[in-house]
Amino acid sequence: MYTIKFNFEQKGLEPVTVTDARPGDSILEVALEHGIDLHHNCGMVCACSTCHIYLESGEEHVPEISDREEDFIDRARNPKLSSRLGCQCVLEDEGSGTIIVTVPDQTLIHGE
């Protein structure tokens, strides 16, 4: 099992710590299962940038960024070196550990 600490840029949201994240789930799936609002307009198929997150620590527990994912991150609002797509950060099958994620302000996503 993994522990994921979700921090939020959006004002008024307190950090959420999830202690039962399962290997094989994406960070997006974990967020949604725990009531964390993380948009996913393309249906989790790496075809948009709405599930954009900042992976602050724990990158060793998810696959390396792909060229396709990197292309969509370039379209995200305020990308950083730590930017990833939540749908592409699938927790390793044989691992456990702690991951820290910052969720950008979801109210700034166009169309919301």
PDB file of N, CA and C in Angstrom:
ATOM      1  N   MET A   1       0.837  -1.187   0.000  1.00  0.00           N
ATOM      2  CA  MET A   1       0.000   0.000   0.000  1.00  0.00           C
ATOM      3  C   MET A   1       0.882   1.250   0.000  1.00  0.00           C
ATOM      4  N   TYR A   2       0.309   2.293  -0.542  1.00  0.00           N
ATOM      5  CA  TYR A   2       0.997   3.573  -0.605  1.00  0.00           C
ATOM      6  C   TYR A   2       0.268   4.593   0.256  1.00  0.00           C
ATOM      7  N   THR A   3       1.009   5.582   0.703  1.00  0.00           N
ATOM      8  CA  THR A   3       0.439   6.755   1.355  1.00  0.00           C
ATOM      9  C   THR A   3       0.637   7.920   0.397  1.00  0.00           C
ATOM     10  N   ILE A   4      -0.457   8.640   0.119  1.00  0.00           N
ATOM     11  CA  ILE A   4      -0.371   9.808  -0.752  1.00  0.00           C
ATOM     12  C   ILE A   4      -0.901  11.012   0.012  1.00  0.00           C
ATOM     13  N   LYS A   5      -0.076  12.034   0.094  1.00  0.00           N
ATOM     14  CA  LYS A   5      -0.491  13.287   0.723  1.00  0.00           C
ATOM     15  C   LYS A   5      -0.830  14.264  -0.399  1.00  0.00           C
ATOM     16  N   PHE A   6      -2.081  14.695  -0.424  1.00  0.00           N
ATOM     17  CA  PHE A   6      -2.558  15.654  -1.403  1.00  0.00           C
ATOM     18  C   PHE A   6      -2.578  17.045  -0.774  1.00  0.00           C
ATOM     19  N   ASN A   7      -1.829  17.964  -1.355  1.00  0.00           N
ATOM     20  CA  ASN A   7      -1.876  19.374  -0.982  1.00  0.00           C
ATOM     21  C   ASN A   7      -2.619  20.107  -2.096  1.00  0.00           C
ATOM     22  N   PHE A   8      -3.175  21.263  -1.788  1.00  0.00           N
ATOM     23  CA  PHE A   8      -4.003  21.975  -2.757  1.00  0.00           C
ATOM     24  C   PHE A   8      -3.578  23.430  -2.867  1.00  0.00           C
ATOM     25  N   GLU A   9      -3.512  23.922  -4.105  1.00  0.00           N
ATOM     26  CA  GLU A   9      -3.261  25.343  -4.314  1.00  0.00           C
ATOM     27  C   GLU A   9      -4.523  26.168  -4.079  1.00  0.00           C
ATOM     28  N   GLN A  10      -5.671  25.546  -4.258  1.00  0.00           N
ATOM     29  CA  GLN A  10      -6.946  26.257  -4.105  1.00  0.00           C
ATOM     30  C   GLN A  10      -7.137  26.667  -2.655  1.00  0.00           C
ATOM     31  N   LYS A  11      -7.449  27.927  -2.448  1.00  0.00           N
ATOM     32  CA  LYS A  11      -7.639  28.454  -1.094  1.00  0.00           C
ATOM     33  C   LYS A  11      -8.810  27.746  -0.404  1.00  0.00           C
ATOM     34  N   GLY A  12      -8.635  27.508   0.887  1.00  0.00           N
ATOM     35  CA  GLY A  12      -9.691  26.916   1.689  1.00  0.00           C
ATOM     36  C   GLY A  12      -9.695  25.400   1.728  1.00  0.00           C
ATOM     37  N   LEU A  13      -8.825  24.753   0.978  1.00  0.00           N
ATOM     38  CA  LEU A  13      -8.773  23.291   0.997  1.00  0.00           C
ATOM     39  C   LEU A  13      -7.604  22.829   1.859  1.00  0.00           C
ATOM     40  N   GLU A  14      -7.912  21.974   2.800  1.00  0.00           N
ATOM     41  CA  GLU A  14      -6.891  21.428   3.691  1.00  0.00           C
ATOM     42  C   GLU A  14      -6.253  20.188   3.050  1.00  0.00           C
ATOM     43  N   PRO A  15      -4.996  19.905   3.368  1.00  0.00           N
ATOM     44  CA  PRO A  15      -4.354  18.698   2.845  1.00  0.00           C
ATOM     45  C   PRO A  15      -5.133  17.439   3.238  1.00  0.00           C
ATOM     46  N   VAL A  16      -5.063  16.437   2.368  1.00  0.00           N
ATOM     47  CA  VAL A  16      -5.700  15.144   2.602  1.00  0.00           C
ATOM     48  C   VAL A  16      -4.629  14.079   2.493  1.00  0.00           C
ATOM     49  N   THR A  17      -4.567  13.184   3.467  1.00  0.00           N
ATOM     50  CA  THR A  17      -3.626  12.071   3.416  1.00  0.00           C
ATOM     51  C   THR A  17      -4.399  10.777   3.252  1.00  0.00           C
ATOM     52  N   VAL A  18      -4.060  10.034   2.219  1.00  0.00           N
ATOM     53  CA  VAL A  18      -4.676   8.740   1.921  1.00  0.00           C
ATOM     54  C   VAL A  18      -3.644   7.679   2.266  1.00  0.00           C
ATOM     55  N   THR A  19      -4.022   6.728   3.108  1.00  0.00           N
ATOM     56  CA  THR A  19      -3.067   5.714   3.557  1.00  0.00           C
ATOM     57  C   THR A  19      -3.309   4.337   2.946  1.00  0.00           C
ATOM     58  N   ASP A  20      -4.313   4.223   2.077  1.00  0.00           N
ATOM     59  CA  ASP A  20      -4.649   2.903   1.527  1.00  0.00           C
ATOM     60  C   ASP A  20      -4.649   2.881   0.002  1.00  0.00           C
ATOM     61  N   ALA A  21      -3.741   3.645  -0.620  1.00  0.00           N
ATOM     62  CA  ALA A  21      -3.653   3.668  -2.081  1.00  0.00           C
ATOM     63  C   ALA A  21      -3.054   2.343  -2.555  1.00  0.00           C
ATOM     64  N   ARG A  22      -3.744   1.705  -3.492  1.00  0.00           N
ATOM     65  CA  ARG A  22      -3.365   0.372  -3.947  1.00  0.00           C
ATOM     66  C   ARG A  22      -2.409   0.409  -5.139  1.00  0.00           C
ATOM     67  N   PRO A  23      -1.433  -0.484  -5.153  1.00  0.00           N
ATOM     68  CA  PRO A  23      -0.595  -0.631  -6.342  1.00  0.00           C
ATOM     69  C   PRO A  23      -1.485  -0.905  -7.562  1.00  0.00           C
ATOM     70  N   GLY A  24      -1.108  -0.344  -8.697  1.00  0.00           N
ATOM     71  CA  GLY A  24      -1.877  -0.523  -9.921  1.00  0.00           C
ATOM     72  C   GLY A  24      -2.895   0.573 -10.176  1.00  0.00           C
ATOM     73  N   ASP A  25      -3.235   1.345  -9.146  1.00  0.00           N
ATOM     74  CA  ASP A  25      -4.146   2.488  -9.311  1.00  0.00           C
ATOM     75  C   ASP A  25      -3.336   3.720  -9.701  1.00  0.00           C
ATOM     76  N   SER A  26      -3.963   4.616 -10.441  1.00  0.00           N
ATOM     77  CA  SER A  26      -3.304   5.884 -10.756  1.00  0.00           C
ATOM     78  C   SER A  26      -3.579   6.883  -9.630  1.00  0.00           C
ATOM     79  N   ILE A  27      -2.772   7.918  -9.575  1.00  0.00           N
ATOM     80  CA  ILE A  27      -3.000   8.971  -8.585  1.00  0.00           C
ATOM     81  C   ILE A  27      -4.369   9.600  -8.809  1.00  0.00           C
ATOM     82  N   LEU A  28      -4.789   9.729 -10.058  1.00  0.00           N
ATOM     83  CA  LEU A  28      -6.130  10.248 -10.354  1.00  0.00           C
ATOM     84  C   LEU A  28      -7.203   9.347  -9.762  1.00  0.00           C
ATOM     85  N   GLU A  29      -7.090   8.042  -9.949  1.00  0.00           N
ATOM     86  CA  GLU A  29      -8.086   7.111  -9.398  1.00  0.00           C
ATOM     87  C   GLU A  29      -8.135   7.190  -7.878  1.00  0.00           C
ATOM     88  N   VAL A  30      -6.987   7.283  -7.244  1.00  0.00           N
ATOM     89  CA  VAL A  30      -6.934   7.396  -5.781  1.00  0.00           C
ATOM     90  C   VAL A  30      -7.638   8.671  -5.339  1.00  0.00           C
ATOM     91  N   ALA A  31      -7.348   9.773  -6.024  1.00  0.00           N
ATOM     92  CA  ALA A  31      -7.984  11.052  -5.676  1.00  0.00           C
ATOM     93  C   ALA A  31      -9.508  10.935  -5.771  1.00  0.00           C
ATOM     94  N   LEU A  32     -10.003  10.413  -6.871  1.00  0.00           N
ATOM     95  CA  LEU A  32     -11.453  10.318  -7.070  1.00  0.00           C
ATOM     96  C   LEU A  32     -12.106   9.392  -6.044  1.00  0.00           C
ATOM     97  N   GLU A  33     -11.448   8.280  -5.720  1.00  0.00           N
ATOM     98  CA  GLU A  33     -11.986   7.340  -4.734  1.00  0.00           C
ATOM     99  C   GLU A  33     -12.106   7.966  -3.349  1.00  0.00           C
ATOM    100  N   HIS A  34     -11.332   9.005  -3.090  1.00  0.00           N
ATOM    101  CA  HIS A  34     -11.330   9.645  -1.768  1.00  0.00           C
ATOM    102  C   HIS A  34     -11.971  11.029  -1.797  1.00  0.00           C
ATOM    103  N   GLY A  35     -12.779  11.285  -2.818  1.00  0.00           N
ATOM    104  CA  GLY A  35     -13.553  12.519  -2.877  1.00  0.00           C
ATOM    105  C   GLY A  35     -12.752  13.771  -3.179  1.00  0.00           C
ATOM    106  N   ILE A  36     -11.570  13.599  -3.766  1.00  0.00           N
ATOM    107  CA  ILE A  36     -10.734  14.742  -4.122  1.00  0.00           C
ATOM    108  C   ILE A  36     -11.067  15.151  -5.541  1.00  0.00           C
ATOM    109  N   ASP A  37     -11.412  16.421  -5.717  1.00  0.00           N
ATOM    110  CA  ASP A  37     -11.823  16.940  -7.019  1.00  0.00           C
ATOM    111  C   ASP A  37     -10.602  17.138  -7.906  1.00  0.00           C
ATOM    112  N   LEU A  38     -10.398  16.223  -8.840  1.00  0.00           N
ATOM    113  CA  LEU A  38      -9.327  16.326  -9.825  1.00  0.00           C
ATOM    114  C   LEU A  38      -9.957  16.029 -11.178  1.00  0.00           C
ATOM    115  N   HIS A  39     -10.053  17.053 -11.998  1.00  0.00           N
ATOM    116  CA  HIS A  39     -10.726  16.914 -13.286  1.00  0.00           C
ATOM    117  C   HIS A  39     -10.042  15.870 -14.159  1.00  0.00           C
ATOM    118  N   HIS A  40     -10.817  15.321 -15.088  1.00  0.00           N
ATOM    119  CA  HIS A  40     -10.314  14.282 -15.993  1.00  0.00           C
ATOM    120  C   HIS A  40     -11.211  14.231 -17.233  1.00  0.00           C
ATOM    121  N   ASN A  41     -11.180  15.311 -17.989  1.00  0.00           N
ATOM    122  CA  ASN A  41     -12.090  15.470 -19.117  1.00  0.00           C
ATOM    123  C   ASN A  41     -11.959  14.402 -20.193  1.00  0.00           C
ATOM    124  N   CYS A  42     -10.794  13.810 -20.378  1.00  0.00           N
ATOM    125  CA  CYS A  42     -10.617  12.827 -21.462  1.00  0.00           C
ATOM    126  C   CYS A  42     -10.943  11.408 -21.031  1.00  0.00           C
ATOM    127  N   GLY A  43     -11.305  11.210 -19.783  1.00  0.00           N
ATOM    128  CA  GLY A  43     -11.624   9.860 -19.332  1.00  0.00           C
ATOM    129  C   GLY A  43     -10.407   9.024 -18.992  1.00  0.00           C
ATOM    130  N   MET A  44      -9.338   9.664 -18.599  1.00  0.00           N
ATOM    131  CA  MET A  44      -8.126   8.991 -18.118  1.00  0.00           C
ATOM    132  C   MET A  44      -7.340   8.275 -19.212  1.00  0.00           C
ATOM    133  N   VAL A  45      -7.273   8.849 -20.413  1.00  0.00           N
ATOM    134  CA  VAL A  45      -6.557   8.192 -21.506  1.00  0.00           C
ATOM    135  C   VAL A  45      -5.392   9.028 -22.044  1.00  0.00           C
ATOM    136  N   CYS A  46      -4.913   9.980 -21.277  1.00  0.00           N
ATOM    137  CA  CYS A  46      -3.784  10.826 -21.667  1.00  0.00           C
ATOM    138  C   CYS A  46      -4.074  11.569 -22.970  1.00  0.00           C
ATOM    139  N   ALA A  47      -5.236  12.244 -22.994  1.00  0.00           N
ATOM    140  CA  ALA A  47      -5.622  13.005 -24.183  1.00  0.00           C
ATOM    141  C   ALA A  47      -5.967  14.453 -23.839  1.00  0.00           C
ATOM    142  N   CYS A  48      -5.665  14.889 -22.626  1.00  0.00           N
ATOM    143  CA  CYS A  48      -5.891  16.278 -22.234  1.00  0.00           C
ATOM    144  C   CYS A  48      -4.927  16.597 -21.092  1.00  0.00           C
ATOM    145  N   SER A  49      -5.097  17.723 -20.459  1.00  0.00           N
ATOM    146  CA  SER A  49      -4.195  18.070 -19.345  1.00  0.00           C
ATOM    147  C   SER A  49      -4.967  18.433 -18.079  1.00  0.00           C
ATOM    148  N   THR A  50      -6.245  18.050 -17.997  1.00  0.00           N
ATOM    149  CA  THR A  50      -7.052  18.498 -16.855  1.00  0.00           C
ATOM    150  C   THR A  50      -6.711  17.789 -15.550  1.00  0.00           C
ATOM    151  N   CYS A  51      -6.057  16.641 -15.592  1.00  0.00           N
ATOM    152  CA  CYS A  51      -5.660  15.976 -14.351  1.00  0.00           C
ATOM    153  C   CYS A  51      -4.216  16.310 -13.982  1.00  0.00           C
ATOM    154  N   HIS A  52      -3.757  17.449 -14.449  1.00  0.00           N
ATOM    155  CA  HIS A  52      -2.403  17.942 -14.176  1.00  0.00           C
ATOM    156  C   HIS A  52      -2.171  18.067 -12.670  1.00  0.00           C
ATOM    157  N   ILE A  53      -1.053  17.526 -12.211  1.00  0.00           N
ATOM    158  CA  ILE A  53      -0.651  17.613 -10.807  1.00  0.00           C
ATOM    159  C   ILE A  53       0.835  17.969 -10.748  1.00  0.00           C
ATOM    160  N   TYR A  54       1.295  18.312  -9.557  1.00  0.00           N
ATOM    161  CA  TYR A  54       2.722  18.457  -9.296  1.00  0.00           C
ATOM    162  C   TYR A  54       3.125  17.292  -8.402  1.00  0.00           C
ATOM    163  N   LEU A  55       4.009  16.452  -8.896  1.00  0.00           N
ATOM    164  CA  LEU A  55       4.499  15.310  -8.132  1.00  0.00           C
ATOM    165  C   LEU A  55       5.722  15.778  -7.353  1.00  0.00           C
ATOM    166  N   GLU A  56       5.487  16.161  -6.095  1.00  0.00           N
ATOM    167  CA  GLU A  56       6.533  16.779  -5.270  1.00  0.00           C
ATOM    168  C   GLU A  56       7.568  15.772  -4.782  1.00  0.00           C
ATOM    169  N   SER A  57       7.131  14.557  -4.485  1.00  0.00           N
ATOM    170  CA  SER A  57       8.065  13.490  -4.105  1.00  0.00           C
ATOM    171  C   SER A  57       7.397  12.146  -4.358  1.00  0.00           C
ATOM    172  N   GLY A  58       8.225  11.136  -4.533  1.00  0.00           N
ATOM    173  CA  GLY A  58       7.719   9.794  -4.777  1.00  0.00           C
ATOM    174  C   GLY A  58       7.736   9.388  -6.237  1.00  0.00           C
ATOM    175  N   GLU A  59       8.455  10.130  -7.077  1.00  0.00           N
ATOM    176  CA  GLU A  59       8.486   9.810  -8.505  1.00  0.00           C
ATOM    177  C   GLU A  59       9.029   8.412  -8.796  1.00  0.00           C
ATOM    178  N   GLU A  60       9.775   7.850  -7.839  1.00  0.00           N
ATOM    179  CA  GLU A  60      10.299   6.499  -8.034  1.00  0.00           C
ATOM    180  C   GLU A  60       9.208   5.435  -7.949  1.00  0.00           C
ATOM    181  N   HIS A  61       8.006   5.803  -7.514  1.00  0.00           N
ATOM    182  CA  HIS A  61       6.902   4.853  -7.375  1.00  0.00           C
ATOM    183  C   HIS A  61       5.950   4.844  -8.566  1.00  0.00           C
ATOM    184  N   VAL A  62       6.234   5.654  -9.582  1.00  0.00           N
ATOM    185  CA  VAL A  62       5.389   5.728 -10.779  1.00  0.00           C
ATOM    186  C   VAL A  62       6.283   5.635 -12.013  1.00  0.00           C
ATOM    187  N   PRO A  63       5.697   5.278 -13.172  1.00  0.00           N
ATOM    188  CA  PRO A  63       6.512   5.193 -14.393  1.00  0.00           C
ATOM    189  C   PRO A  63       7.105   6.549 -14.775  1.00  0.00           C
ATOM    190  N   GLU A  64       8.191   6.500 -15.530  1.00  0.00           N
ATOM    191  CA  GLU A  64       8.779   7.733 -16.050  1.00  0.00           C
ATOM    192  C   GLU A  64       7.797   8.405 -17.006  1.00  0.00           C
ATOM    193  N   ILE A  65       7.937   9.692 -17.141  1.00  0.00           N
ATOM    194  CA  ILE A  65       7.060  10.453 -18.011  1.00  0.00           C
ATOM    195  C   ILE A  65       7.284  10.027 -19.470  1.00  0.00           C
ATOM    196  N   SER A  66       6.190   9.863 -20.201  1.00  0.00           N
ATOM    197  CA  SER A  66       6.283   9.497 -21.617  1.00  0.00           C
ATOM    198  C   SER A  66       6.291  10.762 -22.469  1.00  0.00           C
ATOM    199  N   ASP A  67       6.684  10.622 -23.727  1.00  0.00           N
ATOM    200  CA  ASP A  67       6.656  11.764 -24.646  1.00  0.00           C
ATOM    201  C   ASP A  67       5.238  12.291 -24.813  1.00  0.00           C
ATOM    202  N   ARG A  68       4.269  11.391 -24.900  1.00  0.00           N
ATOM    203  CA  ARG A  68       2.863  11.796 -25.059  1.00  0.00           C
ATOM    204  C   ARG A  68       2.401  12.620 -23.849  1.00  0.00           C
ATOM    205  N   GLU A  69       2.696  12.107 -22.647  1.00  0.00           N
ATOM    206  CA  GLU A  69       2.309  12.834 -21.437  1.00  0.00           C
ATOM    207  C   GLU A  69       2.979  14.209 -21.408  1.00  0.00           C
ATOM    208  N   GLU A  70       4.236  14.247 -21.768  1.00  0.00           N
ATOM    209  CA  GLU A  70       4.971  15.514 -21.770  1.00  0.00           C
ATOM    210  C   GLU A  70       4.339  16.526 -22.738  1.00  0.00           C
ATOM    211  N   ASP A  71       3.871  16.045 -23.879  1.00  0.00           N
ATOM    212  CA  ASP A  71       3.198  16.922 -24.847  1.00  0.00           C
ATOM    213  C   ASP A  71       1.957  17.564 -24.234  1.00  0.00           C
ATOM    214  N   PHE A  72       1.169  16.794 -23.485  1.00  0.00           N
ATOM    215  CA  PHE A  72      -0.049  17.341 -22.879  1.00  0.00           C
ATOM    216  C   PHE A  72       0.271  18.248 -21.693  1.00  0.00           C
ATOM    217  N   ILE A  73       1.328  17.944 -20.966  1.00  0.00           N
ATOM    218  CA  ILE A  73       1.720  18.818 -19.856  1.00  0.00           C
ATOM    219  C   ILE A  73       2.101  20.199 -20.378  1.00  0.00           C
ATOM    220  N   ASP A  74       2.690  20.237 -21.559  1.00  0.00           N
ATOM    221  CA  ASP A  74       3.039  21.535 -22.160  1.00  0.00           C
ATOM    222  C   ASP A  74       1.804  22.409 -22.364  1.00  0.00           C
ATOM    223  N   ARG A  75       0.628  21.806 -22.437  1.00  0.00           N
ATOM    224  CA  ARG A  75      -0.623  22.538 -22.634  1.00  0.00           C
ATOM    225  C   ARG A  75      -1.309  22.896 -21.310  1.00  0.00           C
ATOM    226  N   ALA A  76      -0.795  22.389 -20.220  1.00  0.00           N
ATOM    227  CA  ALA A  76      -1.408  22.628 -18.903  1.00  0.00           C
ATOM    228  C   ALA A  76      -1.130  24.053 -18.443  1.00  0.00           C
ATOM    229  N   ARG A  77      -1.960  24.510 -17.526  1.00  0.00           N
ATOM    230  CA  ARG A  77      -1.754  25.832 -16.914  1.00  0.00           C
ATOM    231  C   ARG A  77      -0.598  25.734 -15.917  1.00  0.00           C
ATOM    232  N   ASN A  78       0.386  26.609 -16.078  1.00  0.00           N
ATOM    233  CA  ASN A  78       1.514  26.728 -15.171  1.00  0.00           C
ATOM    234  C   ASN A  78       2.294  25.417 -14.967  1.00  0.00           C
ATOM    235  N   PRO A  79       2.792  24.799 -16.052  1.00  0.00           N
ATOM    236  CA  PRO A  79       3.583  23.578 -15.876  1.00  0.00           C
ATOM    237  C   PRO A  79       4.914  23.871 -15.191  1.00  0.00           C
ATOM    238  N   LYS A  80       5.384  22.882 -14.452  1.00  0.00           N
ATOM    239  CA  LYS A  80       6.669  22.968 -13.740  1.00  0.00           C
ATOM    240  C   LYS A  80       7.457  21.697 -14.019  1.00  0.00           C
ATOM    241  N   LEU A  81       8.680  21.646 -13.551  1.00  0.00           N
ATOM    242  CA  LEU A  81       9.483  20.439 -13.728  1.00  0.00           C
ATOM    243  C   LEU A  81       8.834  19.224 -13.058  1.00  0.00           C
ATOM    244  N   SER A  82       8.072  19.457 -11.985  1.00  0.00           N
ATOM    245  CA  SER A  82       7.425  18.358 -11.259  1.00  0.00           C
ATOM    246  C   SER A  82       6.047  17.998 -11.824  1.00  0.00           C
ATOM    247  N   SER A  83       5.640  18.634 -12.931  1.00  0.00           N
ATOM    248  CA  SER A  83       4.310  18.384 -13.504  1.00  0.00           C
ATOM    249  C   SER A  83       4.182  16.970 -14.055  1.00  0.00           C
ATOM    250  N   ARG A  84       3.048  16.370 -13.773  1.00  0.00           N
ATOM    251  CA  ARG A  84       2.665  15.064 -14.330  1.00  0.00           C
ATOM    252  C   ARG A  84       1.162  15.081 -14.557  1.00  0.00           C
ATOM    253  N   LEU A  85       0.659  14.077 -15.232  1.00  0.00           N
ATOM    254  CA  LEU A  85      -0.779  13.864 -15.360  1.00  0.00           C
ATOM    255  C   LEU A  85      -1.158  12.765 -14.382  1.00  0.00           C
ATOM    256  N   GLY A  86      -2.156  13.028 -13.562  1.00  0.00           N
ATOM    257  CA  GLY A  86      -2.574  12.056 -12.552  1.00  0.00           C
ATOM    258  C   GLY A  86      -2.963  10.716 -13.138  1.00  0.00           C
ATOM    259  N   CYS A  87      -3.526  10.719 -14.347  1.00  0.00           N
ATOM    260  CA  CYS A  87      -3.961   9.467 -14.973  1.00  0.00           C
ATOM    261  C   CYS A  87      -2.779   8.604 -15.407  1.00  0.00           C
ATOM    262  N   GLN A  88      -1.615   9.194 -15.574  1.00  0.00           N
ATOM    263  CA  GLN A  88      -0.434   8.461 -16.031  1.00  0.00           C
ATOM    264  C   GLN A  88       0.491   8.047 -14.895  1.00  0.00           C
ATOM    265  N   CYS A  89       0.219   8.506 -13.697  1.00  0.00           N
ATOM    266  CA  CYS A  89       1.029   8.153 -12.529  1.00  0.00           C
ATOM    267  C   CYS A  89       0.417   6.931 -11.855  1.00  0.00           C
ATOM    268  N   VAL A  90       0.698   5.764 -12.422  1.00  0.00           N
ATOM    269  CA  VAL A  90       0.171   4.504 -11.903  1.00  0.00           C
ATOM    270  C   VAL A  90       1.156   3.945 -10.881  1.00  0.00           C
ATOM    271  N   LEU A  91       0.656   3.646  -9.705  1.00  0.00           N
ATOM    272  CA  LEU A  91       1.500   3.161  -8.614  1.00  0.00           C
ATOM    273  C   LEU A  91       2.072   1.789  -8.949  1.00  0.00           C
ATOM    274  N   GLU A  92       3.363   1.634  -8.730  1.00  0.00           N
ATOM    275  CA  GLU A  92       4.046   0.385  -9.044  1.00  0.00           C
ATOM    276  C   GLU A  92       3.403  -0.803  -8.341  1.00  0.00           C
ATOM    277  N   ASP A  93       3.366  -1.938  -9.047  1.00  0.00           N
ATOM    278  CA  ASP A  93       2.705  -3.136  -8.526  1.00  0.00           C
ATOM    279  C   ASP A  93       3.378  -3.716  -7.291  1.00  0.00           C
ATOM    280  N   GLU A  94       4.668  -3.673  -7.237  1.00  0.00           N
ATOM    281  CA  GLU A  94       5.394  -4.330  -6.147  1.00  0.00           C
ATOM    282  C   GLU A  94       5.973  -3.343  -5.145  1.00  0.00           C
ATOM    283  N   GLY A  95       5.292  -2.230  -4.955  1.00  0.00           N
ATOM    284  CA  GLY A  95       5.900  -1.226  -4.100  1.00  0.00           C
ATOM    285  C   GLY A  95       5.013  -0.739  -2.982  1.00  0.00           C
ATOM    286  N   SER A  96       5.605   0.109  -2.191  1.00  0.00           N
ATOM    287  CA  SER A  96       4.904   0.844  -1.151  1.00  0.00           C
ATOM    288  C   SER A  96       5.777   2.051  -0.836  1.00  0.00           C
ATOM    289  N   GLY A  97       5.166   3.049  -0.258  1.00  0.00           N
ATOM    290  CA  GLY A  97       5.925   4.241   0.081  1.00  0.00           C
ATOM    291  C   GLY A  97       5.020   5.441   0.189  1.00  0.00           C
ATOM    292  N   THR A  98       5.636   6.599   0.266  1.00  0.00           N
ATOM    293  CA  THR A  98       4.903   7.843   0.425  1.00  0.00           C
ATOM    294  C   THR A  98       5.118   8.725  -0.791  1.00  0.00           C
ATOM    295  N   ILE A  99       4.036   9.329  -1.238  1.00  0.00           N
ATOM    296  CA  ILE A  99       4.044  10.221  -2.398  1.00  0.00           C
ATOM    297  C   ILE A  99       3.391  11.522  -1.961  1.00  0.00           C
ATOM    298  N   ILE A 100       3.980  12.642  -2.371  1.00  0.00           N
ATOM    299  CA  ILE A 100       3.393  13.952  -2.078  1.00  0.00           C
ATOM    300  C   ILE A 100       3.029  14.624  -3.387  1.00  0.00           C
ATOM    301  N   VAL A 101       1.769  15.046  -3.465  1.00  0.00           N
ATOM    302  CA  VAL A 101       1.208  15.637  -4.677  1.00  0.00           C
ATOM    303  C   VAL A 101       0.612  16.996  -4.329  1.00  0.00           C
ATOM    304  N   THR A 102       0.786  17.964  -5.219  1.00  0.00           N
ATOM    305  CA  THR A 102       0.069  19.224  -5.106  1.00  0.00           C
ATOM    306  C   THR A 102      -0.898  19.310  -6.277  1.00  0.00           C
ATOM    307  N   VAL A 103      -2.164  19.576  -5.958  1.00  0.00           N
ATOM    308  CA  VAL A 103      -3.203  19.705  -6.979  1.00  0.00           C
ATOM    309  C   VAL A 103      -3.358  21.195  -7.295  1.00  0.00           C
ATOM    310  N   PRO A 104      -3.124  21.566  -8.569  1.00  0.00           N
ATOM    311  CA  PRO A 104      -3.331  22.964  -8.943  1.00  0.00           C
ATOM    312  C   PRO A 104      -4.783  23.383  -8.699  1.00  0.00           C
ATOM    313  N   ASP A 105      -5.003  24.675  -8.641  1.00  0.00           N
ATOM    314  CA  ASP A 105      -6.346  25.215  -8.410  1.00  0.00           C
ATOM    315  C   ASP A 105      -7.279  24.775  -9.536  1.00  0.00           C
ATOM    316  N   GLN A 106      -8.222  23.905  -9.226  1.00  0.00           N
ATOM    317  CA  GLN A 106      -9.129  23.337 -10.223  1.00  0.00           C
ATOM    318  C   GLN A 106     -10.150  24.357 -10.734  1.00  0.00           C
ATOM    319  N   THR A 107     -10.316  25.460 -10.032  1.00  0.00           N
ATOM    320  CA  THR A 107     -11.280  26.481 -10.483  1.00  0.00           C
ATOM    321  C   THR A 107     -10.730  27.272 -11.663  1.00  0.00           C
ATOM    322  N   LEU A 108      -9.440  27.128 -11.961  1.00  0.00           N
ATOM    323  CA  LEU A 108      -8.826  27.863 -13.071  1.00  0.00           C
ATOM    324  C   LEU A 108      -8.871  27.112 -14.395  1.00  0.00           C
ATOM    325  N   ILE A 109      -9.405  25.876 -14.377  1.00  0.00           N
ATOM    326  CA  ILE A 109      -9.472  25.087 -15.609  1.00  0.00           C
ATOM    327  C   ILE A 109     -10.550  25.668 -16.509  1.00  0.00           C
ATOM    328  N   HIS A 110     -10.197  25.891 -17.765  1.00  0.00           N
ATOM    329  CA  HIS A 110     -11.146  26.465 -18.731  1.00  0.00           C
ATOM    330  C   HIS A 110     -12.367  25.573 -18.872  1.00  0.00           C
ATOM    331  N   GLY A 111     -13.510  26.202 -18.971  1.00  0.00           N
ATOM    332  CA  GLY A 111     -14.755  25.461 -19.137  1.00  0.00           C
ATOM    333  C   GLY A 111     -15.428  25.097 -17.839  1.00  0.00           C
ATOM    334  N   GLU A 112     -14.825  25.483 -16.732  1.00  0.00           N
ATOM    335  CA  GLU A 112     -15.423  25.156 -15.428  1.00  0.00           C
ATOM    336  C   GLU A 112     -16.181  26.343 -14.889  1.00  0.00           C
TER     337      GLU A 112
END
